[in-house]
Amino acid sequence: PPRWCRMPGDEAPWFPLVDPIPDVLRLEGAGRCRCGAVPGPEVEKRVLPCVIYGSQRVHHRQVEVRPCFACSEGRKFAGPDLGELGIFNFNNRSMYTHELLNSFTSGMTAHELPFHAFVTTVDRAYLEHAGPDEPQKCDDFVSDETFRRVWYSWRRVQILGDTFGCDDCGPSPPTVIFDGLTAGFPGKYVTQSLTPPTTV
């Protein structure tokens, strides 16, 4: 999880973005394809172009991969994890910095932040950070739908605990209130202990 929401007992590692990002993102070890297959070390590595999306600009780099012959006649590839570089490898061609993904998580948990608003903000930041001579040549950020798929994929690989803590109540308080979250449930489940969030 992001550093700002970690609890003292969290054991999952946190990786800041490596700066500068290497020109070639190396495949250390076997790597794993999206289909789950792990190509053997005898499969020769290839280098593919990739795009790394950050919060202010795009980084064009190359990534080492191994073809996966278990799916689609080798059209998919096993690539590096890149977590230790602070990068989420979505599909070996499209990658996202942890800083960018954590930025959306932070905004979404602090205030109402739809995916469209975040994507628009990042796209505007790209234009702001484009070269002063040719701003029309700046890279665009991804679509709302693409970013939504990426962020939910990112959330699935996060190591999140199921405990909550409070400075006043200690670990696992009996009641946890999520500010700004409305959770709905069917009326047939309303009981003495489970009531709508509007009940005072």
C-alpha atoms as a PDB file:
ATOM      1  CA  PRO A   1       0.000   0.000   0.000  1.00  0.00           C
ATOM      2  CA  PRO A   2       1.041   3.650  -0.339  1.00  0.00           C
ATOM      3  CA  ARG A   3       3.290   4.954   2.432  1.00  0.00           C
ATOM      4  CA  TRP A   4       0.666   7.429   3.710  1.00  0.00           C
ATOM      5  CA  CYS A   5      -1.835   4.661   4.566  1.00  0.00           C
ATOM      6  CA  ARG A   6       0.541   2.043   5.929  1.00  0.00           C
ATOM      7  CA  MET A   7       0.173   0.829   9.481  1.00  0.00           C
ATOM      8  CA  PRO A   8       3.184   0.134  11.714  1.00  0.00           C
ATOM      9  CA  GLY A   9       2.691  -3.626  11.374  1.00  0.00           C
ATOM     10  CA  ASP A  10       2.517  -3.676   7.545  1.00  0.00           C
ATOM     11  CA  GLU A  11       5.151  -5.988   6.147  1.00  0.00           C
ATOM     12  CA  ALA A  12       4.600  -5.413   2.422  1.00  0.00           C
ATOM     13  CA  PRO A  13       7.518  -3.553   0.830  1.00  0.00           C
ATOM     14  CA  TRP A  14       7.152  -0.017  -0.477  1.00  0.00           C
ATOM     15  CA  PHE A  15       9.118   1.013  -3.563  1.00  0.00           C
ATOM     16  CA  PRO A  16       9.662   4.633  -4.596  1.00  0.00           C
ATOM     17  CA  LEU A  17      10.097   5.410  -8.292  1.00  0.00           C
ATOM     18  CA  VAL A  18      13.685   4.940  -9.435  1.00  0.00           C
ATOM     19  CA  ASP A  19      14.931   8.160 -11.010  1.00  0.00           C
ATOM     20  CA  PRO A  20      16.168   8.175 -13.666  1.00  0.00           C
ATOM     21  CA  ILE A  21      14.252   5.241 -15.099  1.00  0.00           C
ATOM     22  CA  PRO A  22      16.697   2.895 -16.900  1.00  0.00           C
ATOM     23  CA  ASP A  23      16.652   2.953 -20.711  1.00  0.00           C
ATOM     24  CA  VAL A  24      16.143  -0.824 -20.796  1.00  0.00           C
ATOM     25  CA  LEU A  25      14.010  -2.518 -18.147  1.00  0.00           C
ATOM     26  CA  ARG A  26      15.750  -5.852 -17.616  1.00  0.00           C
ATOM     27  CA  LEU A  27      14.043  -9.206 -17.168  1.00  0.00           C
ATOM     28  CA  GLU A  28      15.725 -10.775 -14.156  1.00  0.00           C
ATOM     29  CA  GLY A  29      14.630 -14.375 -13.679  1.00  0.00           C
ATOM     30  CA  ALA A  30      11.994 -16.141 -15.716  1.00  0.00           C
ATOM     31  CA  GLY A  31       9.120 -13.663 -15.759  1.00  0.00           C
ATOM     32  CA  ARG A  32       5.488 -14.700 -16.126  1.00  0.00           C
ATOM     33  CA  CYS A  33       3.000 -14.270 -18.963  1.00  0.00           C
ATOM     34  CA  ARG A  34      -0.564 -12.999 -18.440  1.00  0.00           C
ATOM     35  CA  CYS A  35      -1.779 -16.545 -19.165  1.00  0.00           C
ATOM     36  CA  GLY A  36       0.197 -17.793 -16.147  1.00  0.00           C
ATOM     37  CA  ALA A  37       2.885 -19.651 -18.105  1.00  0.00           C
ATOM     38  CA  VAL A  38       6.549 -19.192 -17.227  1.00  0.00           C
ATOM     39  CA  PRO A  39       8.848 -19.547 -20.256  1.00  0.00           C
ATOM     40  CA  GLY A  40      12.050 -21.467 -19.573  1.00  0.00           C
ATOM     41  CA  PRO A  41      15.476 -19.803 -19.530  1.00  0.00           C
ATOM     42  CA  GLU A  42      16.208 -21.419 -22.909  1.00  0.00           C
ATOM     43  CA  VAL A  43      13.670 -19.081 -24.553  1.00  0.00           C
ATOM     44  CA  GLU A  44      15.641 -16.174 -25.978  1.00  0.00           C
ATOM     45  CA  LYS A  45      14.903 -12.689 -24.660  1.00  0.00           C
ATOM     46  CA  ARG A  46      13.635  -9.912 -26.892  1.00  0.00           C
ATOM     47  CA  VAL A  47      13.564  -6.171 -26.382  1.00  0.00           C
ATOM     48  CA  LEU A  48      10.276  -4.338 -27.019  1.00  0.00           C
ATOM     49  CA  PRO A  49       9.415  -0.638 -26.868  1.00  0.00           C
ATOM     50  CA  CYS A  50       7.257   0.351 -23.917  1.00  0.00           C
ATOM     51  CA  VAL A  51       5.593   3.448 -22.520  1.00  0.00           C
ATOM     52  CA  ILE A  52       5.731   4.318 -18.820  1.00  0.00           C
ATOM     53  CA  TYR A  53       2.981   6.682 -17.687  1.00  0.00           C
ATOM     54  CA  GLY A  54       3.833   8.975 -14.787  1.00  0.00           C
ATOM     55  CA  SER A  55       1.847  11.765 -13.170  1.00  0.00           C
ATOM     56  CA  GLN A  56       3.485  14.520 -15.239  1.00  0.00           C
ATOM     57  CA  ARG A  57       4.760  12.886 -18.401  1.00  0.00           C
ATOM     58  CA  VAL A  58       5.391   9.746 -20.394  1.00  0.00           C
ATOM     59  CA  HIS A  59       8.732   7.934 -20.471  1.00  0.00           C
ATOM     60  CA  HIS A  60       9.576   5.969 -23.626  1.00  0.00           C
ATOM     61  CA  ARG A  61      11.790   3.006 -22.786  1.00  0.00           C
ATOM     62  CA  GLN A  62      12.491  -0.602 -23.775  1.00  0.00           C
ATOM     63  CA  VAL A  63      11.698  -3.770 -21.866  1.00  0.00           C
ATOM     64  CA  GLU A  64      13.218  -7.255 -22.000  1.00  0.00           C
ATOM     65  CA  VAL A  65      10.683 -10.042 -22.446  1.00  0.00           C
ATOM     66  CA  ARG A  66      10.507 -13.711 -23.364  1.00  0.00           C
ATOM     67  CA  PRO A  67       7.911 -14.911 -25.895  1.00  0.00           C
ATOM     68  CA  CYS A  68       5.228 -17.127 -24.410  1.00  0.00           C
ATOM     69  CA  PHE A  69       4.492 -20.080 -26.657  1.00  0.00           C
ATOM     70  CA  ALA A  70       1.738 -21.366 -24.373  1.00  0.00           C
ATOM     71  CA  CYS A  71      -0.709 -18.723 -25.661  1.00  0.00           C
ATOM     72  CA  SER A  72      -1.567 -17.019 -28.941  1.00  0.00           C
ATOM     73  CA  GLU A  73       1.329 -18.514 -30.894  1.00  0.00           C
ATOM     74  CA  GLY A  74       3.923 -16.486 -29.005  1.00  0.00           C
ATOM     75  CA  ARG A  75       2.216 -13.136 -29.419  1.00  0.00           C
ATOM     76  CA  LYS A  76       2.187 -12.577 -25.666  1.00  0.00           C
ATOM     77  CA  PHE A  77       5.288 -12.162 -23.595  1.00  0.00           C
ATOM     78  CA  ALA A  78       6.583 -12.868 -20.114  1.00  0.00           C
ATOM     79  CA  GLY A  79       8.045  -9.683 -18.731  1.00  0.00           C
ATOM     80  CA  PRO A  80       9.633  -8.312 -15.568  1.00  0.00           C
ATOM     81  CA  ASP A  81       7.647  -7.390 -12.465  1.00  0.00           C
ATOM     82  CA  LEU A  82       9.378  -3.963 -12.055  1.00  0.00           C
ATOM     83  CA  GLY A  83       7.863  -3.344  -8.618  1.00  0.00           C
ATOM     84  CA  GLU A  84      11.324  -2.695  -7.187  1.00  0.00           C
ATOM     85  CA  LEU A  85      11.631   0.216  -9.650  1.00  0.00           C
ATOM     86  CA  GLY A  86       8.303   1.699  -8.528  1.00  0.00           C
ATOM     87  CA  ILE A  87       6.644   0.674 -11.811  1.00  0.00           C
ATOM     88  CA  PHE A  88       3.518  -1.440 -12.420  1.00  0.00           C
ATOM     89  CA  ASN A  89       3.967  -3.541 -15.572  1.00  0.00           C
ATOM     90  CA  PHE A  90       0.428  -3.752 -16.972  1.00  0.00           C
ATOM     91  CA  ASN A  91       1.139  -5.621 -20.213  1.00  0.00           C
ATOM     92  CA  ASN A  92       4.842  -5.207 -21.116  1.00  0.00           C
ATOM     93  CA  ARG A  93       4.048  -2.323 -23.465  1.00  0.00           C
ATOM     94  CA  SER A  94       2.051  -0.085 -21.151  1.00  0.00           C
ATOM     95  CA  MET A  95       3.428   0.597 -17.659  1.00  0.00           C
ATOM     96  CA  TYR A  96       2.454   2.955 -14.856  1.00  0.00           C
ATOM     97  CA  THR A  97       4.435   4.456 -11.991  1.00  0.00           C
ATOM     98  CA  HIS A  98       3.375   3.519  -8.467  1.00  0.00           C
ATOM     99  CA  GLU A  99       3.424   7.256  -7.772  1.00  0.00           C
ATOM    100  CA  LEU A 100       0.706   7.854 -10.412  1.00  0.00           C
ATOM    101  CA  LEU A 101      -1.488   4.973  -9.212  1.00  0.00           C
ATOM    102  CA  ASN A 102      -1.045   5.940  -5.557  1.00  0.00           C
ATOM    103  CA  SER A 103      -1.952   9.508  -6.492  1.00  0.00           C
ATOM    104  CA  PHE A 104      -5.360   8.337  -7.712  1.00  0.00           C
ATOM    105  CA  THR A 105      -5.811   6.192  -4.582  1.00  0.00           C
ATOM    106  CA  SER A 106      -4.956   9.177  -2.389  1.00  0.00           C
ATOM    107  CA  GLY A 107      -7.352  11.487  -4.227  1.00  0.00           C
ATOM    108  CA  MET A 108     -10.141   8.931  -4.293  1.00  0.00           C
ATOM    109  CA  THR A 109      -9.895   8.301  -0.548  1.00  0.00           C
ATOM    110  CA  ALA A 110      -9.608  11.990   0.380  1.00  0.00           C
ATOM    111  CA  HIS A 111     -12.501  13.342  -1.703  1.00  0.00           C
ATOM    112  CA  GLU A 112     -14.881  12.394  -4.474  1.00  0.00           C
ATOM    113  CA  LEU A 113     -12.683  11.704  -7.493  1.00  0.00           C
ATOM    114  CA  PRO A 114     -14.150   9.958 -10.537  1.00  0.00           C
ATOM    115  CA  PHE A 115     -11.788   8.254 -12.966  1.00  0.00           C
ATOM    116  CA  HIS A 116     -12.689  10.770 -15.691  1.00  0.00           C
ATOM    117  CA  ALA A 117     -11.666  13.747 -13.530  1.00  0.00           C
ATOM    118  CA  PHE A 118      -8.331  12.145 -12.654  1.00  0.00           C
ATOM    119  CA  VAL A 119      -7.574  11.220 -16.273  1.00  0.00           C
ATOM    120  CA  THR A 120      -8.402  14.767 -17.376  1.00  0.00           C
ATOM    121  CA  THR A 121      -6.098  16.222 -14.695  1.00  0.00           C
ATOM    122  CA  VAL A 122      -3.195  13.980 -15.696  1.00  0.00           C
ATOM    123  CA  ASP A 123      -3.716  14.745 -19.376  1.00  0.00           C
ATOM    124  CA  ARG A 124      -3.543  18.472 -18.567  1.00  0.00           C
ATOM    125  CA  ALA A 125      -0.363  17.922 -16.524  1.00  0.00           C
ATOM    126  CA  TYR A 126       1.191  16.258 -19.579  1.00  0.00           C
ATOM    127  CA  LEU A 127       0.403  19.357 -21.637  1.00  0.00           C
ATOM    128  CA  GLU A 128       1.856  21.628 -18.908  1.00  0.00           C
ATOM    129  CA  HIS A 129       5.107  19.649 -18.805  1.00  0.00           C
ATOM    130  CA  ALA A 130       5.527  19.388 -22.588  1.00  0.00           C
ATOM    131  CA  GLY A 131       8.480  21.099 -24.199  1.00  0.00           C
ATOM    132  CA  PRO A 132       8.018  24.889 -24.449  1.00  0.00           C
ATOM    133  CA  ASP A 133       8.740  24.944 -28.168  1.00  0.00           C
ATOM    134  CA  GLU A 134       6.355  22.214 -29.309  1.00  0.00           C
ATOM    135  CA  PRO A 135       3.523  21.567 -26.802  1.00  0.00           C
ATOM    136  CA  GLN A 136       1.451  19.967 -29.569  1.00  0.00           C
ATOM    137  CA  LYS A 137       3.911  17.034 -29.587  1.00  0.00           C
ATOM    138  CA  CYS A 138       3.234  16.015 -25.980  1.00  0.00           C
ATOM    139  CA  ASP A 139       2.016  12.490 -25.304  1.00  0.00           C
ATOM    140  CA  ASP A 140      -1.597  11.957 -24.320  1.00  0.00           C
ATOM    141  CA  PHE A 141      -2.594  10.087 -21.208  1.00  0.00           C
ATOM    142  CA  VAL A 142      -4.717   6.946 -21.558  1.00  0.00           C
ATOM    143  CA  SER A 143      -8.519   6.832 -21.801  1.00  0.00           C
ATOM    144  CA  ASP A 144     -10.824   6.629 -18.772  1.00  0.00           C
ATOM    145  CA  GLU A 145     -11.606   2.979 -19.545  1.00  0.00           C
ATOM    146  CA  THR A 146      -7.942   2.011 -19.866  1.00  0.00           C
ATOM    147  CA  PHE A 147      -6.964   3.758 -16.645  1.00  0.00           C
ATOM    148  CA  ARG A 148      -9.870   2.105 -14.823  1.00  0.00           C
ATOM    149  CA  ARG A 149      -8.682  -1.351 -15.980  1.00  0.00           C
ATOM    150  CA  VAL A 150      -5.099  -0.542 -14.991  1.00  0.00           C
ATOM    151  CA  TRP A 151      -6.010   0.787 -11.547  1.00  0.00           C
ATOM    152  CA  TYR A 152      -8.197  -2.206 -10.676  1.00  0.00           C
ATOM    153  CA  SER A 153      -5.447  -4.563 -11.882  1.00  0.00           C
ATOM    154  CA  TRP A 154      -3.008  -2.643  -9.683  1.00  0.00           C
ATOM    155  CA  ARG A 155      -5.332  -2.961  -6.670  1.00  0.00           C
ATOM    156  CA  ARG A 156      -5.524  -6.752  -7.169  1.00  0.00           C
ATOM    157  CA  VAL A 157      -1.763  -7.149  -6.763  1.00  0.00           C
ATOM    158  CA  GLN A 158      -1.524  -4.920  -3.698  1.00  0.00           C
ATOM    159  CA  ILE A 159      -0.775  -6.676  -0.441  1.00  0.00           C
ATOM    160  CA  LEU A 160      -3.527  -5.307   1.762  1.00  0.00           C
ATOM    161  CA  GLY A 161      -4.372  -6.445   5.249  1.00  0.00           C
ATOM    162  CA  ASP A 162      -7.848  -6.662   6.656  1.00  0.00           C
ATOM    163  CA  THR A 163      -7.129  -4.837   9.883  1.00  0.00           C
ATOM    164  CA  PHE A 164      -7.945  -1.311  10.873  1.00  0.00           C
ATOM    165  CA  GLY A 165      -6.307   0.770  13.556  1.00  0.00           C
ATOM    166  CA  CYS A 166      -7.046   3.958  15.398  1.00  0.00           C
ATOM    167  CA  ASP A 167      -4.760   6.126  17.528  1.00  0.00           C
ATOM    168  CA  ASP A 168      -7.496   6.432  20.162  1.00  0.00           C
ATOM    169  CA  CYS A 169      -9.178   2.985  19.982  1.00  0.00           C
ATOM    170  CA  GLY A 170      -6.179   0.812  19.142  1.00  0.00           C
ATOM    171  CA  PRO A 171      -6.156  -2.090  16.675  1.00  0.00           C
ATOM    172  CA  SER A 172      -9.404  -3.443  15.206  1.00  0.00           C
ATOM    173  CA  PRO A 173     -11.870  -0.895  16.640  1.00  0.00           C
ATOM    174  CA  PRO A 174     -15.461  -2.187  16.989  1.00  0.00           C
ATOM    175  CA  THR A 175     -16.792   0.485  14.613  1.00  0.00           C
ATOM    176  CA  VAL A 176     -15.091   1.850  11.506  1.00  0.00           C
ATOM    177  CA  ILE A 177     -16.587   4.874   9.713  1.00  0.00           C
ATOM    178  CA  PHE A 178     -15.507   5.529   6.147  1.00  0.00           C
ATOM    179  CA  ASP A 179     -15.877   9.217   5.428  1.00  0.00           C
ATOM    180  CA  GLY A 180     -17.765   9.887   2.222  1.00  0.00           C
ATOM    181  CA  LEU A 181     -18.683   6.273   1.510  1.00  0.00           C
ATOM    182  CA  THR A 182     -22.285   5.222   1.170  1.00  0.00           C
ATOM    183  CA  ALA A 183     -22.770   1.483   1.273  1.00  0.00           C
ATOM    184  CA  GLY A 184     -26.151   0.225   0.169  1.00  0.00           C
ATOM    185  CA  PHE A 185     -27.830  -3.060   0.946  1.00  0.00           C
ATOM    186  CA  PRO A 186     -31.249  -4.568   0.186  1.00  0.00           C
ATOM    187  CA  GLY A 187     -34.057  -3.681   2.593  1.00  0.00           C
ATOM    188  CA  LYS A 188     -34.667  -7.320   3.489  1.00  0.00           C
ATOM    189  CA  TYR A 189     -31.344  -7.291   5.387  1.00  0.00           C
ATOM    190  CA  VAL A 190     -32.296  -4.377   7.648  1.00  0.00           C
ATOM    191  CA  THR A 191     -32.227  -5.523  11.278  1.00  0.00           C
ATOM    192  CA  GLN A 192     -31.739  -3.923  14.676  1.00  0.00           C
ATOM    193  CA  SER A 193     -27.968  -4.021  14.154  1.00  0.00           C
ATOM    194  CA  LEU A 194     -27.916  -3.253  10.420  1.00  0.00           C
ATOM    195  CA  THR A 195     -29.618  -0.046   9.392  1.00  0.00           C
ATOM    196  CA  PRO A 196     -29.299   2.357   6.445  1.00  0.00           C
ATOM    197  CA  PRO A 197     -26.470   4.919   6.684  1.00  0.00           C
ATOM    198  CA  THR A 198     -29.108   7.683   6.865  1.00  0.00           C
ATOM    199  CA  THR A 199     -30.471   6.357  10.172  1.00  0.00           C
ATOM    200  CA  VAL A 200     -29.640   8.629  13.094  1.00  0.00           C
END
